[in-house]
Protein backbone atom coordinates (compact mmCIF):
# COMPACT_ATOMS: atom_id res chain seq x y z
CA MET A 1 -30.90 32.30 -7.14
CA PRO A 2 -28.02 32.47 -4.61
CA ILE A 3 -25.17 30.12 -5.40
CA ALA A 4 -24.42 29.26 -1.75
CA ASN A 5 -26.14 29.13 1.62
CA PRO A 6 -25.19 32.30 3.56
CA ASP A 7 -25.19 30.36 6.85
CA ASN A 8 -22.71 27.86 5.46
CA HIS A 9 -20.56 30.72 4.19
CA ARG A 10 -20.54 32.37 7.62
CA ARG A 11 -19.70 29.05 9.27
CA GLY A 12 -16.85 28.60 6.82
CA LEU A 13 -15.47 32.04 7.65
CA ARG A 14 -15.64 31.26 11.36
CA LEU A 15 -13.76 28.01 10.79
CA ILE A 16 -11.00 29.80 8.89
CA GLN A 17 -10.78 32.41 11.63
CA ASN A 18 -10.73 29.62 14.23
CA VAL A 19 -7.50 28.37 12.68
CA THR A 20 -5.79 31.57 11.60
CA HIS A 21 -6.33 33.41 14.89
CA LEU A 22 -4.20 30.75 16.59
CA LEU A 23 -1.20 31.96 14.60
CA ARG A 24 -1.51 35.30 16.40
CA ALA A 25 -2.06 33.85 19.87
CA ARG A 26 0.82 33.51 22.35
CA ARG A 27 -0.72 30.27 23.62
CA PHE A 28 -0.03 28.71 20.19
CA LEU A 29 2.36 30.74 18.02
CA PRO A 30 5.57 30.14 20.08
CA LEU A 31 4.91 26.39 20.10
CA PHE A 32 4.18 26.40 16.37
CA THR A 33 7.36 28.40 15.68
CA THR A 34 9.47 26.14 17.90
CA GLN A 35 8.13 23.01 16.20
CA PHE A 36 8.58 24.54 12.74
CA LEU A 37 12.20 25.52 13.37
CA GLY A 38 12.95 22.12 14.92
CA ALA A 39 11.52 20.18 11.97
CA PHE A 40 13.30 22.51 9.54
CA ASN A 41 16.62 22.04 11.32
CA ASP A 42 16.17 18.30 11.61
CA SER A 43 15.51 17.98 7.88
CA LEU A 44 18.33 20.36 6.96
CA PHE A 45 20.91 18.58 9.10
CA LYS A 46 20.04 15.02 8.07
CA GLN A 47 19.87 15.89 4.37
CA ALA A 48 23.09 17.91 4.53
CA VAL A 49 24.91 14.99 6.17
CA VAL A 50 23.59 12.48 3.61
CA LEU A 51 24.53 14.72 0.67
CA PHE A 52 27.95 15.46 2.13
CA VAL A 53 28.77 11.80 2.74
CA THR A 54 27.23 10.59 -0.53
CA TYR A 55 28.75 13.13 -2.90
CA GLN A 56 32.01 14.08 -1.19
CA LEU A 57 33.14 11.28 1.11
CA LEU A 58 31.88 8.01 -0.39
CA LYS A 59 32.01 6.73 -3.96
CA ASP A 60 30.73 3.21 -3.38
CA PRO A 61 26.92 2.82 -3.85
CA THR A 62 26.86 -0.10 -1.39
CA LYS A 63 28.51 1.96 1.33
CA GLU A 64 26.21 4.91 0.55
CA PHE A 65 23.15 2.69 1.03
CA LEU A 66 24.63 1.29 4.26
CA PHE A 67 25.33 4.77 5.65
CA SER A 68 21.79 5.89 4.83
CA GLY A 69 20.34 2.78 6.50
CA ILE A 70 22.44 3.26 9.64
CA ALA A 71 21.42 6.92 9.82
CA GLN A 72 17.72 6.02 9.56
CA ALA A 73 18.08 3.33 12.22
CA LEU A 74 19.93 5.64 14.62
CA PHE A 75 17.14 8.20 14.29
CA ILE A 76 14.31 5.68 14.87
CA VAL A 77 15.80 3.54 17.67
CA PRO A 78 15.47 6.27 20.37
CA PHE A 79 11.70 6.22 19.87
CA PHE A 80 11.72 2.56 20.93
CA LEU A 81 14.02 3.14 23.87
CA PHE A 82 13.01 6.48 25.36
CA SER A 83 9.39 7.26 24.37
CA ALA A 84 8.06 5.87 27.66
CA VAL A 85 10.43 8.05 29.70
CA ALA A 86 9.65 11.05 27.47
CA GLY A 87 5.91 10.63 27.94
CA GLN A 88 6.21 10.31 31.71
CA LEU A 89 8.42 13.40 31.95
CA ALA A 90 6.03 15.47 29.84
CA ASP A 91 3.04 14.51 32.00
CA ASP A 92 4.87 15.03 35.31
CA HIS A 93 6.63 18.36 34.62
CA ASP A 94 5.87 21.77 33.20
CA LYS A 95 5.91 21.17 29.45
CA ALA A 96 7.10 24.71 28.67
CA ARG A 97 10.14 24.19 30.91
CA LEU A 98 10.88 20.87 29.21
CA ILE A 99 10.70 22.58 25.82
CA ARG A 100 13.38 25.04 26.90
CA ILE A 101 15.62 22.20 28.09
CA VAL A 102 15.14 20.14 24.92
CA LYS A 103 15.75 23.11 22.61
CA PHE A 104 18.88 24.08 24.55
CA CYS A 105 20.16 20.53 24.01
CA GLU A 106 19.48 20.95 20.28
CA ILE A 107 22.11 23.72 20.15
CA GLY A 108 24.67 21.33 21.64
CA ILE A 109 23.69 18.57 19.20
CA MET A 110 24.13 20.89 16.23
CA LEU A 111 27.55 21.85 17.56
CA VAL A 112 28.49 18.15 17.66
CA GLY A 113 27.16 17.67 14.13
CA SER A 114 29.10 20.70 12.90
CA VAL A 115 32.31 19.29 14.37
CA GLY A 116 31.60 16.05 12.51
CA ILE A 117 31.15 17.93 9.24
CA PHE A 118 34.29 20.04 9.72
CA LEU A 119 36.34 16.92 10.56
CA ALA A 120 34.64 14.88 7.81
CA SER A 121 33.99 12.24 10.50
CA LYS A 122 31.15 9.91 9.60
CA THR A 123 31.13 8.54 13.17
CA VAL A 124 30.61 11.97 14.74
CA MET A 125 27.93 12.88 12.18
CA LEU A 126 26.07 9.63 12.85
CA ALA A 127 26.32 10.31 16.58
CA ALA A 128 24.68 13.69 16.02
CA VAL A 129 21.90 12.05 13.97
CA GLY A 130 21.26 9.64 16.85
CA LEU A 131 21.19 12.52 19.32
CA MET A 132 18.66 14.31 17.10
CA GLY A 133 16.54 11.16 17.27
CA ILE A 134 16.65 11.39 21.08
CA HIS A 135 15.79 15.10 20.82
CA SER A 136 12.74 14.33 18.65
CA THR A 137 11.70 11.49 20.97
CA PHE A 138 11.47 13.83 23.95
CA PHE A 139 9.92 16.76 22.06
CA GLY A 140 7.22 14.69 20.30
CA PRO A 141 4.95 13.97 23.31
CA ILE A 142 5.28 17.56 24.51
CA LYS A 143 4.15 19.24 21.30
CA TYR A 144 0.91 17.25 21.09
CA ALA A 145 0.14 17.01 24.80
CA ILE A 146 0.46 20.76 25.32
CA LEU A 147 -2.26 21.58 22.75
CA PRO A 148 -5.30 20.59 24.85
CA GLN A 149 -3.85 22.59 27.76
CA HIS A 150 -3.53 25.83 25.79
CA LEU A 151 -6.36 25.47 23.27
CA GLN A 152 -10.13 25.24 23.56
CA LYS A 153 -11.80 21.95 22.69
CA ASP A 154 -12.96 23.23 19.29
CA GLU A 155 -9.44 24.49 18.54
CA VAL A 156 -7.50 21.26 19.13
CA LEU A 157 -8.16 19.79 15.67
CA GLY A 158 -7.25 23.07 13.96
CA GLY A 159 -4.13 23.44 16.09
CA THR A 160 -3.08 19.85 15.36
CA GLY A 161 -3.62 20.45 11.65
CA LEU A 162 -1.49 23.60 11.74
CA VAL A 163 1.30 21.79 13.58
CA GLU A 164 1.24 18.96 11.02
CA ALA A 165 1.09 21.35 8.06
CA GLY A 166 3.92 23.45 9.46
CA THR A 167 6.00 20.34 10.08
CA TYR A 168 5.82 19.13 6.49
CA ILE A 169 6.42 22.60 5.05
CA ALA A 170 9.46 22.85 7.35
CA ILE A 171 10.70 19.44 6.17
CA LEU A 172 10.38 20.65 2.59
CA GLY A 173 12.24 23.88 3.36
CA GLY A 174 15.04 22.07 5.16
CA THR A 175 15.44 19.57 2.32
CA VAL A 176 15.56 22.30 -0.33
CA LEU A 177 18.04 24.43 1.65
CA ALA A 178 20.26 21.39 2.19
CA GLY A 179 20.38 20.90 -1.57
CA ILE A 180 21.26 24.55 -2.12
CA LEU A 181 24.02 24.43 0.51
CA ALA A 182 25.31 21.00 -0.59
CA PRO A 183 28.51 22.42 -2.18
CA SER A 184 29.36 24.09 1.15
CA PRO A 185 28.73 21.71 4.10
CA ALA A 186 30.43 24.13 6.51
CA THR A 187 27.82 26.79 5.69
CA ALA A 188 25.03 24.26 6.25
CA ALA A 189 26.53 23.42 9.64
CA ALA A 190 26.63 27.08 10.65
CA VAL A 191 23.00 27.56 9.57
CA THR A 192 21.85 24.60 11.70
CA ILE A 193 23.45 26.16 14.78
CA ALA A 194 21.78 29.51 14.07
CA ILE A 195 18.35 27.87 13.61
CA ALA A 196 18.80 25.89 16.85
CA ILE A 197 19.45 29.15 18.69
CA LEU A 198 16.30 30.69 17.17
CA GLY A 199 14.34 27.59 18.20
CA PHE A 200 15.58 27.94 21.78
CA TYR A 201 14.48 31.59 21.83
CA ALA A 202 11.03 30.68 20.43
CA GLY A 203 10.69 27.89 23.01
CA ARG A 204 11.28 30.38 25.82
CA GLN A 205 8.09 32.20 24.76
CA VAL A 206 5.82 29.17 25.25
CA PRO A 207 3.42 29.87 28.17
CA PRO A 208 3.61 27.64 31.25
CA ALA A 209 1.92 24.24 30.99
CA PRO A 210 2.10 22.72 34.49
CA PRO A 211 1.29 19.06 35.11
CA ALA A 212 -2.22 18.09 36.09
CA ALA A 213 -3.06 17.56 39.74
CA GLU A 214 -3.46 13.82 39.14
CA ARG A 215 0.06 12.34 39.02
CA ILE A 216 1.04 8.88 37.82
CA PRO A 217 4.01 7.08 39.44
CA PHE A 218 7.21 7.44 37.41
CA ASP A 219 8.81 4.19 36.19
CA HIS A 220 12.54 4.47 35.40
CA ASN A 221 12.76 0.98 33.87
CA ILE A 222 12.73 1.66 30.14
CA ILE A 223 11.52 -1.77 29.02
CA ARG A 224 8.89 -2.20 31.74
CA ALA A 225 7.65 1.37 31.27
CA SER A 226 7.37 0.92 27.50
CA ILE A 227 5.36 -2.29 27.83
CA ALA A 228 3.11 -0.76 30.48
CA LEU A 229 2.66 2.39 28.44
CA VAL A 230 1.53 0.58 25.29
CA SER A 231 -0.67 -1.94 27.10
CA GLY A 232 -2.19 0.85 29.18
CA THR A 233 -3.51 2.63 26.10
CA MET A 234 -4.47 -0.35 23.98
CA HIS A 235 -7.33 -1.40 26.28
CA ILE A 236 -9.20 1.82 25.39
CA ARG A 237 -10.93 0.91 22.15
CA ARG A 238 -10.82 4.29 20.42
CA LEU A 239 -7.13 4.71 21.34
CA PHE A 240 -6.37 1.17 20.20
CA LEU A 241 -8.00 1.81 16.82
CA ALA A 242 -6.48 5.29 16.44
CA ILE A 243 -2.94 4.07 17.20
CA LEU A 244 -3.33 1.09 14.86
CA SER A 245 -4.64 3.36 12.10
CA ILE A 246 -1.77 5.84 12.52
CA SER A 247 0.75 3.00 12.63
CA PHE A 248 -0.62 1.45 9.46
CA PHE A 249 -0.38 4.87 7.82
CA TRP A 250 3.31 5.12 8.76
CA THR A 251 3.92 1.57 7.57
CA ILE A 252 2.63 2.72 4.19
CA GLY A 253 4.75 5.85 4.46
CA ALA A 254 7.89 3.84 5.22
CA VAL A 255 7.39 1.71 2.09
CA LEU A 256 6.82 4.79 -0.07
CA ILE A 257 9.85 6.61 1.34
CA TYR A 258 12.00 3.55 0.71
CA ILE A 259 10.93 2.97 -2.90
CA PHE A 260 10.77 6.57 -4.14
CA PRO A 261 14.52 7.19 -4.72
CA PRO A 262 15.13 4.03 -6.80
CA LEU A 263 11.76 4.51 -8.50
CA VAL A 264 12.71 8.02 -9.63
CA LYS A 265 16.08 6.86 -10.89
CA ASN A 266 15.32 3.43 -12.34
CA VAL A 267 11.68 3.65 -13.44
CA LEU A 268 11.25 7.32 -14.35
CA GLY A 269 14.88 7.67 -15.46
CA ALA A 270 15.20 11.02 -13.64
CA ASP A 271 17.99 12.64 -11.63
CA ALA A 272 18.15 13.58 -7.94
CA ARG A 273 16.42 16.94 -8.44
CA VAL A 274 13.25 15.12 -9.51
CA ALA A 275 13.41 13.11 -6.25
CA THR A 276 13.63 16.44 -4.39
CA LEU A 277 10.57 17.64 -6.34
CA PHE A 278 8.69 14.53 -5.18
CA THR A 279 9.61 15.26 -1.57
CA GLY A 280 8.33 18.81 -2.02
CA ILE A 281 5.04 17.66 -3.53
CA LEU A 282 4.49 15.21 -0.68
CA SER A 283 5.20 17.87 1.95
CA ILE A 284 2.92 20.46 0.36
CA GLY A 285 0.15 17.91 -0.19
CA ILE A 286 0.12 16.71 3.41
CA ALA A 287 0.07 20.33 4.58
CA ILE A 288 -2.96 21.02 2.36
CA GLY A 289 -4.73 17.91 3.61
CA SER A 290 -4.01 18.83 7.23
CA ILE A 291 -5.79 22.18 6.82
CA ALA A 292 -8.59 20.91 4.56
CA ILE A 293 -9.78 18.25 6.98
CA ASN A 294 -10.32 20.87 9.69
CA ARG A 295 -12.67 22.71 7.33
CA LEU A 296 -14.57 19.52 6.46
CA LEU A 297 -14.93 18.44 10.08
CA LYS A 298 -15.86 21.97 11.26
CA SER A 299 -13.20 21.71 14.01
CA GLN A 300 -14.78 18.57 15.49
CA VAL A 301 -12.53 15.62 16.33
CA SER A 302 -14.04 12.84 14.23
CA ALA A 303 -12.97 9.88 12.09
CA ARG A 304 -15.94 9.98 9.73
CA PHE A 305 -13.82 11.05 6.75
CA ALA A 306 -10.95 8.67 7.56
CA PRO A 307 -12.18 5.66 5.50
CA ALA A 308 -12.97 7.74 2.40
CA SER A 309 -9.68 9.63 2.69
CA VAL A 310 -7.48 6.55 2.78
CA ILE A 311 -9.49 4.77 0.05
CA ALA A 312 -8.93 7.84 -2.12
CA MET A 313 -5.25 7.65 -1.17
CA GLY A 314 -5.16 4.06 -2.42
CA GLY A 315 -6.80 5.17 -5.66
CA PHE A 316 -4.15 7.83 -6.22
CA VAL A 317 -1.43 5.24 -5.47
CA LEU A 318 -2.91 3.03 -8.22
CA LEU A 319 -2.98 5.99 -10.61
CA PHE A 320 0.65 6.69 -9.77
CA TYR A 321 1.48 3.01 -10.42
CA PHE A 322 -0.15 2.90 -13.86
CA VAL A 323 1.46 6.19 -14.94
CA CYS A 324 4.87 4.87 -13.85
CA LEU A 325 4.20 1.60 -15.67
CA ALA A 326 3.48 3.47 -18.89
CA TRP A 327 6.43 5.80 -18.30
CA SER A 328 8.93 2.97 -17.86
CA LYS A 329 8.14 1.63 -21.34
CA HIS A 330 9.39 4.88 -22.87
CA SER A 331 12.22 5.76 -20.46
CA GLU A 332 15.59 6.78 -21.85
CA ALA A 333 18.92 5.21 -21.00
CA GLN A 334 20.34 8.49 -19.68
CA LEU A 335 18.93 10.21 -16.60
CA THR A 336 16.67 13.09 -17.52
CA THR A 337 16.89 16.52 -15.91
CA LEU A 338 14.16 18.26 -13.90
CA GLY A 339 13.36 20.51 -16.86
CA ASN A 340 12.94 17.58 -19.24
CA PHE A 341 10.87 15.73 -16.67
CA LEU A 342 8.41 18.61 -16.30
CA VAL A 343 7.76 18.83 -20.06
CA HIS A 344 7.13 15.08 -20.35
CA PRO A 345 3.53 14.42 -21.56
CA MET A 346 2.75 12.28 -18.49
CA ALA A 347 4.48 14.47 -15.89
CA GLY A 348 1.32 16.43 -15.08
CA LEU A 349 -0.71 13.30 -14.38
CA LEU A 350 2.12 11.87 -12.27
CA ILE A 351 2.30 15.04 -10.17
CA VAL A 352 -1.49 15.06 -9.71
CA ALA A 353 -1.37 11.45 -8.53
CA LEU A 354 1.44 12.15 -6.07
CA LEU A 355 -0.26 15.30 -4.78
CA GLY A 356 -3.47 13.32 -4.35
CA VAL A 357 -1.67 10.68 -2.30
CA ALA A 358 -0.26 13.38 -0.01
CA ILE A 359 -3.47 15.42 0.43
CA THR A 360 -5.66 12.41 1.22
CA GLY A 361 -2.95 11.03 3.51
CA GLY A 362 -2.92 14.29 5.49
CA MET A 363 -6.72 14.23 5.69
CA PHE A 364 -6.59 10.69 7.04
CA VAL A 365 -3.95 11.01 9.73
CA VAL A 366 -4.48 14.47 11.30
CA PRO A 367 -7.83 13.73 13.03
CA LEU A 368 -6.31 10.53 14.41
CA TYR A 369 -3.59 12.51 16.18
CA ALA A 370 -6.29 14.77 17.62
CA PHE A 371 -7.96 11.65 19.07
CA LEU A 372 -4.80 10.88 21.03
CA THR A 373 -4.89 14.18 22.91
CA THR A 374 -8.64 14.49 23.47
CA THR A 375 -9.58 10.94 24.49
CA VAL A 376 -7.62 10.68 27.74
CA PRO A 377 -7.31 13.03 30.75
CA LYS A 378 -4.82 15.87 30.33
CA SER A 379 -2.59 14.21 32.91
CA GLU A 380 -2.06 11.27 30.50
CA THR A 381 -1.87 12.93 27.08
CA ALA A 382 1.93 12.89 26.76
CA ARG A 383 2.08 9.22 27.79
CA THR A 384 -0.55 8.43 25.18
CA VAL A 385 1.41 10.21 22.45
CA ALA A 386 4.55 8.40 23.60
CA ALA A 387 2.79 5.02 23.39
CA ASN A 388 1.70 5.91 19.89
CA ASN A 389 5.29 6.82 18.99
CA ILE A 390 6.54 3.44 20.19
CA VAL A 391 4.00 1.54 18.06
CA ASN A 392 4.54 3.87 15.09
CA SER A 393 8.30 3.31 15.23
CA GLY A 394 7.78 -0.45 15.16
CA ALA A 395 5.41 -0.05 12.22
CA MET A 396 7.96 2.03 10.30
CA VAL A 397 10.63 -0.61 10.87
CA ILE A 398 8.22 -3.30 9.64
CA GLY A 399 7.38 -1.17 6.59
CA LEU A 400 11.05 -0.62 5.84
CA GLY A 401 11.74 -4.33 6.28
CA LEU A 402 8.82 -5.16 3.97
CA GLY A 403 10.19 -2.83 1.29
CA ILE A 404 13.67 -4.34 1.56
CA ALA A 405 12.28 -7.89 1.44
CA LEU A 406 10.16 -7.16 -1.65
CA SER A 407 13.14 -5.55 -3.36
CA THR A 408 15.25 -8.62 -2.54
CA PHE A 409 12.71 -10.80 -4.34
CA GLY A 410 12.75 -8.49 -7.35
CA VAL A 411 9.47 -6.70 -6.65
CA GLY A 412 10.12 -3.11 -7.70
CA LEU A 413 7.26 -1.02 -9.06
CA GLY A 414 4.82 -3.71 -7.89
CA GLN A 415 5.35 -2.51 -4.31
CA LEU A 416 2.90 0.27 -5.10
CA LEU A 417 0.19 -2.40 -5.48
CA VAL A 418 1.06 -3.64 -2.00
CA VAL A 419 0.70 -0.06 -0.71
CA ALA A 420 -2.71 0.28 -2.38
CA ALA A 421 -3.86 -2.96 -0.71
CA MET A 422 -2.62 -1.70 2.65
CA CYS A 423 -4.79 1.39 2.20
CA LEU A 424 -7.86 -0.89 2.26
CA ILE A 425 -6.81 -2.23 5.66
CA SER A 426 -6.31 1.34 6.88
CA ALA A 427 -9.80 2.21 5.62
CA TRP A 428 -11.27 -0.73 7.58
CA LEU A 429 -9.49 0.46 10.75
CA GLY A 430 -10.69 4.02 10.13
CA TRP A 431 -14.26 2.77 9.71
CA LYS A 432 -14.05 0.82 12.97
CA LEU A 433 -12.77 3.95 14.72
CA HIS A 434 -15.61 6.00 13.22
CA LEU A 435 -18.20 3.51 14.52
CA ALA A 436 -16.57 3.47 17.96
CA CYS A 437 -16.34 7.24 18.39
CA ASP A 438 -18.79 9.19 16.23
């Protein structure tokens, strides 16, 4: 008896080819490379600055926390302020030309950041972080809106998954390289400039992506344009549900990102290298989930697996919570090394739980991003992505505020229970989206 249906096997091979052939196509590879290098450089620069300031310039934990908070705020605020302008520009101009302009500006930003590192100036380094936030604000709508212009309808989900997977692998690579180069900040600064130059060269290879014939009037008023942009997308039910689902996902992500460092140190009793390992596991897991969901959905843009994915994510969060709870009862007074952590009897289960959170999270969010670019006319895709970025940024701030508030009231490990509950709300939103669209 055959162990598998030959037709299913052939369909599976076609799906794999549908994704992998994009990595050889000029209509996709330059964009993928540009995005990968940008995410890598962004992660490398921010992590290098934080490590430099934390380990070489500051010795006060309170000031270290304040610097980290200011850096995060400076990176997020541009999404509130300039996403509307960024979306309008991307819809009204050739996106390939905008990519070249944005990536050229990245070289200048890295030069500013390098000056800050050489002068040991926290102000200049923070200015560069804020400029990188502006850079990401303007590049974000372009990278998603250009996909439906260059890809076929059955390739958009696969292309979105590859972009997401590449982004998280790049974040991992940048974080790891920053740790390796931590003793030599000047070397890290030089590397960021070199990568920015490579990103500019890759961006020059992106094929033209002219604006659609249908043009929308440009509004230069940042506040009015932002309000109009968000309200203009929220009346479309599937967009409303997709944006809410993505925003809830990033609210969860903001809480997890906030609690992981103190959790690793104070609950697991582990050093900074274990925190880096956690970042790596999350990045790899989301990349796996981004590719896996394309296989499950057979390249169709659908939310039918969204509820199950995020419920599974909540289950893995609960598993992670209970393992941490058991771990904390046997933690040692002195911080353990990465090697000792890996040989701990419960380390394997903890890693499985964390990997499960990341994989199911990637499976949940990637199809939702594909909805943003396939639901509206091509002349409005960048504006739609920009509206999503505005709402997502607000959600991340709310998530960060929630984490800080819970910590203030002494809720530490219990925040994971809050995250698990939030997954149920995300599942409900995903189910509503599935009913509205599939």
